[in-house]
PDB file of N, CA and C in Angstrom:
ATOM      1  N   MET A   1      68.861  82.130 -71.859  1.00  0.00           N
ATOM      2  CA  MET A   1      69.882  81.395 -71.125  1.00  0.00           C
ATOM      3  C   MET A   1      69.324  80.822 -69.824  1.00  0.00           C
ATOM      4  N   LYS A   2      68.535  81.632 -69.119  1.00  0.00           N
ATOM      5  CA  LYS A   2      67.953  81.187 -67.869  1.00  0.00           C
ATOM      6  C   LYS A   2      66.966  80.040 -68.098  1.00  0.00           C
ATOM      7  N   GLU A   3      66.228  80.121 -69.208  1.00  0.00           N
ATOM      8  CA  GLU A   3      65.270  79.065 -69.521  1.00  0.00           C
ATOM      9  C   GLU A   3      65.976  77.743 -69.802  1.00  0.00           C
ATOM     10  N   ASN A   4      67.112  77.803 -70.466  1.00  0.00           N
ATOM     11  CA  ASN A   4      67.874  76.586 -70.770  1.00  0.00           C
ATOM     12  C   ASN A   4      68.340  75.900 -69.494  1.00  0.00           C
ATOM     13  N   ILE A   5      68.772  76.686 -68.531  1.00  0.00           N
ATOM     14  CA  ILE A   5      69.235  76.112 -67.264  1.00  0.00           C
ATOM     15  C   ILE A   5      68.080  75.442 -66.536  1.00  0.00           C
ATOM     16  N   ILE A   6      66.919  76.047 -66.562  1.00  0.00           N
ATOM     17  CA  ILE A   6      65.746  75.461 -65.907  1.00  0.00           C
ATOM     18  C   ILE A   6      65.345  74.159 -66.589  1.00  0.00           C
ATOM     19  N   ILE A   7      65.346  74.148 -67.902  1.00  0.00           N
ATOM     20  CA  ILE A   7      64.989  72.929 -68.655  1.00  0.00           C
ATOM     21  C   ILE A   7      66.000  71.824 -68.387  1.00  0.00           C
ATOM     22  N   ILE A   8      67.266  72.156 -68.384  1.00  0.00           N
ATOM     23  CA  ILE A   8      68.307  71.157 -68.108  1.00  0.00           C
ATOM     24  C   ILE A   8      68.167  70.625 -66.693  1.00  0.00           C
ATOM     25  N   ALA A   9      67.895  71.491 -65.736  1.00  0.00           N
ATOM     26  CA  ALA A   9      67.723  71.053 -64.349  1.00  0.00           C
ATOM     27  C   ALA A   9      66.536  70.107 -64.218  1.00  0.00           C
ATOM     28  N   ILE A  10      65.444  70.412 -64.887  1.00  0.00           N
ATOM     29  CA  ILE A  10      64.262  69.540 -64.845  1.00  0.00           C
ATOM     30  C   ILE A  10      64.580  68.180 -65.454  1.00  0.00           C
ATOM     31  N   LEU A  11      65.283  68.162 -66.577  1.00  0.00           N
ATOM     32  CA  LEU A  11      65.647  66.889 -67.211  1.00  0.00           C
ATOM     33  C   LEU A  11      66.581  66.071 -66.325  1.00  0.00           C
ATOM     34  N   VAL A  12      67.526  66.736 -65.670  1.00  0.00           N
ATOM     35  CA  VAL A  12      68.447  66.033 -64.778  1.00  0.00           C
ATOM     36  C   VAL A  12      67.677  65.425 -63.603  1.00  0.00           C
ATOM     37  N   ILE A  13      66.721  66.161 -63.059  1.00  0.00           N
ATOM     38  CA  ILE A  13      65.914  65.643 -61.951  1.00  0.00           C
ATOM     39  C   ILE A  13      65.098  64.440 -62.402  1.00  0.00           C
ATOM     40  N   ILE A  14      64.470  64.524 -63.565  1.00  0.00           N
ATOM     41  CA  ILE A  14      63.665  63.407 -64.077  1.00  0.00           C
ATOM     42  C   ILE A  14      64.537  62.173 -64.316  1.00  0.00           C
ATOM     43  N   LEU A  15      65.677  62.348 -64.950  1.00  0.00           N
ATOM     44  CA  LEU A  15      66.568  61.215 -65.204  1.00  0.00           C
ATOM     45  C   LEU A  15      67.116  60.634 -63.906  1.00  0.00           C
ATOM     46  N   GLY A  16      67.433  61.491 -62.954  1.00  0.00           N
ATOM     47  CA  GLY A  16      67.934  61.019 -61.672  1.00  0.00           C
ATOM     48  C   GLY A  16      66.901  60.207 -60.919  1.00  0.00           C
ATOM     49  N   LEU A  17      65.655  60.686 -60.910  1.00  0.00           N
ATOM     50  CA  LEU A  17      64.592  59.943 -60.232  1.00  0.00           C
ATOM     51  C   LEU A  17      64.298  58.619 -60.937  1.00  0.00           C
ATOM     52  N   SER A  18      64.387  58.607 -62.260  1.00  0.00           N
ATOM     53  CA  SER A  18      64.184  57.361 -63.007  1.00  0.00           C
ATOM     54  C   SER A  18      65.272  56.345 -62.681  1.00  0.00           C
ATOM     55  N   ALA A  19      66.497  56.806 -62.646  1.00  0.00           N
ATOM     56  CA  ALA A  19      67.615  55.919 -62.321  1.00  0.00           C
ATOM     57  C   ALA A  19      67.478  55.388 -60.894  1.00  0.00           C
ATOM     58  N   LEU A  20      67.062  56.231 -59.969  1.00  0.00           N
ATOM     59  CA  LEU A  20      66.875  55.810 -58.588  1.00  0.00           C
ATOM     60  C   LEU A  20      65.775  54.754 -58.482  1.00  0.00           C
ATOM     61  N   TYR A  21      64.685  54.941 -59.227  1.00  0.00           N
ATOM     62  CA  TYR A  21      63.590  53.960 -59.228  1.00  0.00           C
ATOM     63  C   TYR A  21      64.070  52.603 -59.747  1.00  0.00           C
ATOM     64  N   ILE A  22      64.818  52.625 -60.836  1.00  0.00           N
ATOM     65  CA  ILE A  22      65.321  51.379 -61.413  1.00  0.00           C
ATOM     66  C   ILE A  22      66.304  50.703 -60.454  1.00  0.00           C
ATOM     67  N   TYR A  23      67.174  51.493 -59.848  1.00  0.00           N
ATOM     68  CA  TYR A  23      68.146  50.945 -58.899  1.00  0.00           C
ATOM     69  C   TYR A  23      67.446  50.268 -57.719  1.00  0.00           C
ATOM     70  N   LYS A  24      66.465  50.949 -57.141  1.00  0.00           N
ATOM     71  CA  LYS A  24      65.749  50.380 -56.002  1.00  0.00           C
ATOM     72  C   LYS A  24      64.971  49.130 -56.404  1.00  0.00           C
ATOM     73  N   ALA A  25      64.359  49.144 -57.587  1.00  0.00           N
ATOM     74  CA  ALA A  25      63.585  47.991 -58.039  1.00  0.00           C
ATOM     75  C   ALA A  25      64.488  46.780 -58.266  1.00  0.00           C
ATOM     76  N   LYS A  26      65.619  46.993 -58.895  1.00  0.00           N
ATOM     77  CA  LYS A  26      66.548  45.888 -59.142  1.00  0.00           C
ATOM     78  C   LYS A  26      67.143  45.375 -57.838  1.00  0.00           C
ATOM     79  N   LYS A  27      67.422  46.273 -56.910  1.00  0.00           N
ATOM     80  CA  LYS A  27      67.998  45.867 -55.635  1.00  0.00           C
ATOM     81  C   LYS A  27      67.003  45.046 -54.821  1.00  0.00           C
ATOM     82  N   SER A  28      65.711  45.331 -54.974  1.00  0.00           N
ATOM     83  CA  SER A  28      64.696  44.575 -54.238  1.00  0.00           C
ATOM     84  C   SER A  28      64.391  43.229 -54.897  1.00  0.00           C
ATOM     85  N   GLY A  29      64.978  42.967 -56.070  1.00  0.00           N
ATOM     86  CA  GLY A  29      64.845  41.664 -56.697  1.00  0.00           C
ATOM     87  C   GLY A  29      63.776  41.556 -57.763  1.00  0.00           C
ATOM     88  N   LYS A  30      63.204  42.658 -58.184  1.00  0.00           N
ATOM     89  CA  LYS A  30      62.195  42.607 -59.239  1.00  0.00           C
ATOM     90  C   LYS A  30      62.867  42.255 -60.560  1.00  0.00           C
ATOM     91  N   LYS A  31      62.279  41.301 -61.281  1.00  0.00           N
ATOM     92  CA  LYS A  31      62.860  40.860 -62.542  1.00  0.00           C
ATOM     93  C   LYS A  31      62.463  41.748 -63.702  1.00  0.00           C
ATOM     94  N   CYS A  32      61.228  42.158 -63.737  1.00  0.00           N
ATOM     95  CA  CYS A  32      60.693  42.820 -64.918  1.00  0.00           C
ATOM     96  C   CYS A  32      60.016  44.122 -64.508  1.00  0.00           C
ATOM     97  N   ILE A  33      60.760  45.198 -64.431  1.00  0.00           N
ATOM     98  CA  ILE A  33      60.257  46.463 -63.915  1.00  0.00           C
ATOM     99  C   ILE A  33      59.197  47.055 -64.836  1.00  0.00           C
ATOM    100  N   GLY A  34      59.415  47.026 -66.129  1.00  0.00           N
ATOM    101  CA  GLY A  34      58.524  47.694 -67.057  1.00  0.00           C
ATOM    102  C   GLY A  34      57.354  46.875 -67.552  1.00  0.00           C
ATOM    103  N   CYS A  35      57.229  45.665 -67.119  1.00  0.00           N
ATOM    104  CA  CYS A  35      56.164  44.790 -67.588  1.00  0.00           C
ATOM    105  C   CYS A  35      54.831  45.206 -66.986  1.00  0.00           C
ATOM    106  N   PRO A  36      53.809  45.423 -67.807  1.00  0.00           N
ATOM    107  CA  PRO A  36      52.505  45.801 -67.259  1.00  0.00           C
ATOM    108  C   PRO A  36      51.842  44.671 -66.476  1.00  0.00           C
ATOM    109  N   GLU A  37      52.289  43.446 -66.695  1.00  0.00           N
ATOM    110  CA  GLU A  37      51.729  42.289 -65.996  1.00  0.00           C
ATOM    111  C   GLU A  37      52.741  41.705 -65.021  1.00  0.00           C
ATOM    112  N   LYS A  38      53.549  42.569 -64.401  1.00  0.00           N
ATOM    113  CA  LYS A  38      54.631  42.077 -63.549  1.00  0.00           C
ATOM    114  C   LYS A  38      54.132  41.279 -62.350  1.00  0.00           C
ATOM    115  N   SER A  39      52.924  41.541 -61.900  1.00  0.00           N
ATOM    116  CA  SER A  39      52.405  40.755 -60.783  1.00  0.00           C
ATOM    117  C   SER A  39      52.108  39.320 -61.217  1.00  0.00           C
ATOM    118  N   LEU A  40      51.781  39.125 -62.484  1.00  0.00           N
ATOM    119  CA  LEU A  40      51.498  37.785 -62.990  1.00  0.00           C
ATOM    120  C   LEU A  40      52.766  37.037 -63.387  1.00  0.00           C
ATOM    121  N   CYS A  41      53.821  37.773 -63.692  1.00  0.00           N
ATOM    122  CA  CYS A  41      55.047  37.131 -64.156  1.00  0.00           C
ATOM    123  C   CYS A  41      55.628  36.189 -63.114  1.00  0.00           C
ATOM    124  N   SER A  42      55.549  36.571 -61.859  1.00  0.00           N
ATOM    125  CA  SER A  42      56.110  35.709 -60.825  1.00  0.00           C
ATOM    126  C   SER A  42      55.313  34.419 -60.679  1.00  0.00           C
ATOM    127  N   LYS A  43      54.048  34.430 -61.101  1.00  0.00           N
ATOM    128  CA  LYS A  43      53.203  33.240 -61.010  1.00  0.00           C
ATOM    129  C   LYS A  43      53.305  32.374 -62.257  1.00  0.00           C
ATOM    130  N   GLY A  44      53.984  32.858 -63.288  1.00  0.00           N
ATOM    131  CA  GLY A  44      54.163  32.080 -64.492  1.00  0.00           C
ATOM    132  C   GLY A  44      53.020  32.163 -65.471  1.00  0.00           C
ATOM    133  N   SER A  45      52.086  33.095 -65.269  1.00  0.00           N
ATOM    134  CA  SER A  45      50.952  33.176 -66.179  1.00  0.00           C
ATOM    135  C   SER A  45      50.969  34.456 -67.005  1.00  0.00           C
ATOM    136  N   CYS A  46      52.113  35.019 -67.189  1.00  0.00           N
ATOM    137  CA  CYS A  46      52.253  36.250 -67.962  1.00  0.00           C
ATOM    138  C   CYS A  46      52.187  35.905 -69.446  1.00  0.00           C
ATOM    139  N   SER A  47      51.390  36.659 -70.205  1.00  0.00           N
ATOM    140  CA  SER A  47      51.230  36.310 -71.610  1.00  0.00           C
ATOM    141  C   SER A  47      51.899  37.286 -72.568  1.00  0.00           C
ATOM    142  N   SER A  48      52.056  38.554 -72.171  1.00  0.00           N
ATOM    143  CA  SER A  48      52.561  39.516 -73.136  1.00  0.00           C
ATOM    144  C   SER A  48      53.931  40.070 -72.810  1.00  0.00           C
ATOM    145  N   CYS A  49      54.464  39.779 -71.665  1.00  0.00           N
ATOM    146  CA  CYS A  49      55.748  40.357 -71.261  1.00  0.00           C
ATOM    147  C   CYS A  49      56.872  39.390 -71.609  1.00  0.00           C
ATOM    148  N   SER A  50      57.644  39.724 -72.600  1.00  0.00           N
ATOM    149  CA  SER A  50      58.695  38.804 -73.033  1.00  0.00           C
ATOM    150  C   SER A  50      59.917  38.865 -72.142  1.00  0.00           C
ATOM    151  N   CYS A  51      60.103  39.956 -71.421  1.00  0.00           N
ATOM    152  CA  CYS A  51      61.336  40.090 -70.647  1.00  0.00           C
ATOM    153  C   CYS A  51      61.385  39.141 -69.457  1.00  0.00           C
ATOM    154  N   CYS A  52      60.261  38.908 -68.793  1.00  0.00           N
ATOM    155  CA  CYS A  52      60.313  38.041 -67.613  1.00  0.00           C
ATOM    156  C   CYS A  52      59.739  36.660 -67.893  1.00  0.00           C
ATOM    157  N   CYS A  53      58.798  36.560 -68.803  1.00  0.00           N
ATOM    158  CA  CYS A  53      58.168  35.264 -69.053  1.00  0.00           C
ATOM    159  C   CYS A  53      59.142  34.278 -69.680  1.00  0.00           C
ATOM    160  N   GLN A  54      59.965  34.757 -70.589  1.00  0.00           N
ATOM    161  CA  GLN A  54      60.939  33.870 -71.206  1.00  0.00           C
ATOM    162  C   GLN A  54      61.957  33.423 -70.174  1.00  0.00           C
ATOM    163  N   ASN A  55      62.359  34.333 -69.295  1.00  0.00           N
ATOM    164  CA  ASN A  55      63.314  33.972 -68.251  1.00  0.00           C
ATOM    165  C   ASN A  55      62.717  32.997 -67.269  1.00  0.00           C
ATOM    166  N   ASP A  56      61.432  33.197 -66.881  1.00  0.00           N
ATOM    167  CA  ASP A  56      60.790  32.300 -65.929  1.00  0.00           C
ATOM    168  C   ASP A  56      60.613  30.903 -66.526  1.00  0.00           C
ATOM    169  N   SER A  57      60.285  30.825 -67.812  1.00  0.00           N
ATOM    170  CA  SER A  57      60.050  29.520 -68.417  1.00  0.00           C
ATOM    171  C   SER A  57      61.344  28.742 -68.599  1.00  0.00           C
ATOM    172  N   THR A  58      62.471  29.411 -68.772  1.00  0.00           N
ATOM    173  CA  THR A  58      63.737  28.716 -68.941  1.00  0.00           C
ATOM    174  C   THR A  58      64.316  28.282 -67.610  1.00  0.00           C
ATOM    175  N   GLU A  59      63.926  28.962 -66.514  1.00  0.00           N
ATOM    176  CA  GLU A  59      64.445  28.601 -65.195  1.00  0.00           C
ATOM    177  C   GLU A  59      63.751  27.366 -64.650  1.00  0.00           C
ATOM    178  N   ASN A  60      62.492  27.123 -65.017  1.00  0.00           N
ATOM    179  CA  ASN A  60      61.732  26.006 -64.436  1.00  0.00           C
ATOM    180  C   ASN A  60      62.051  24.720 -65.071  1.00  0.00           C
TER     181      ASN A  60
END
């Protein structure tokens, strides 16, 4: 029983920190948080990230 509470607490902390990271990133205006080439996406030269590249190409 004690182990279950510890595991649940760890999962809640991990999920909470993940949600906080996403919230802060979106609030700061980042378009594509999970893109490995997010630094290139803003310049329009992203090749593999579909989440921001498609949006950037339709806006221009």
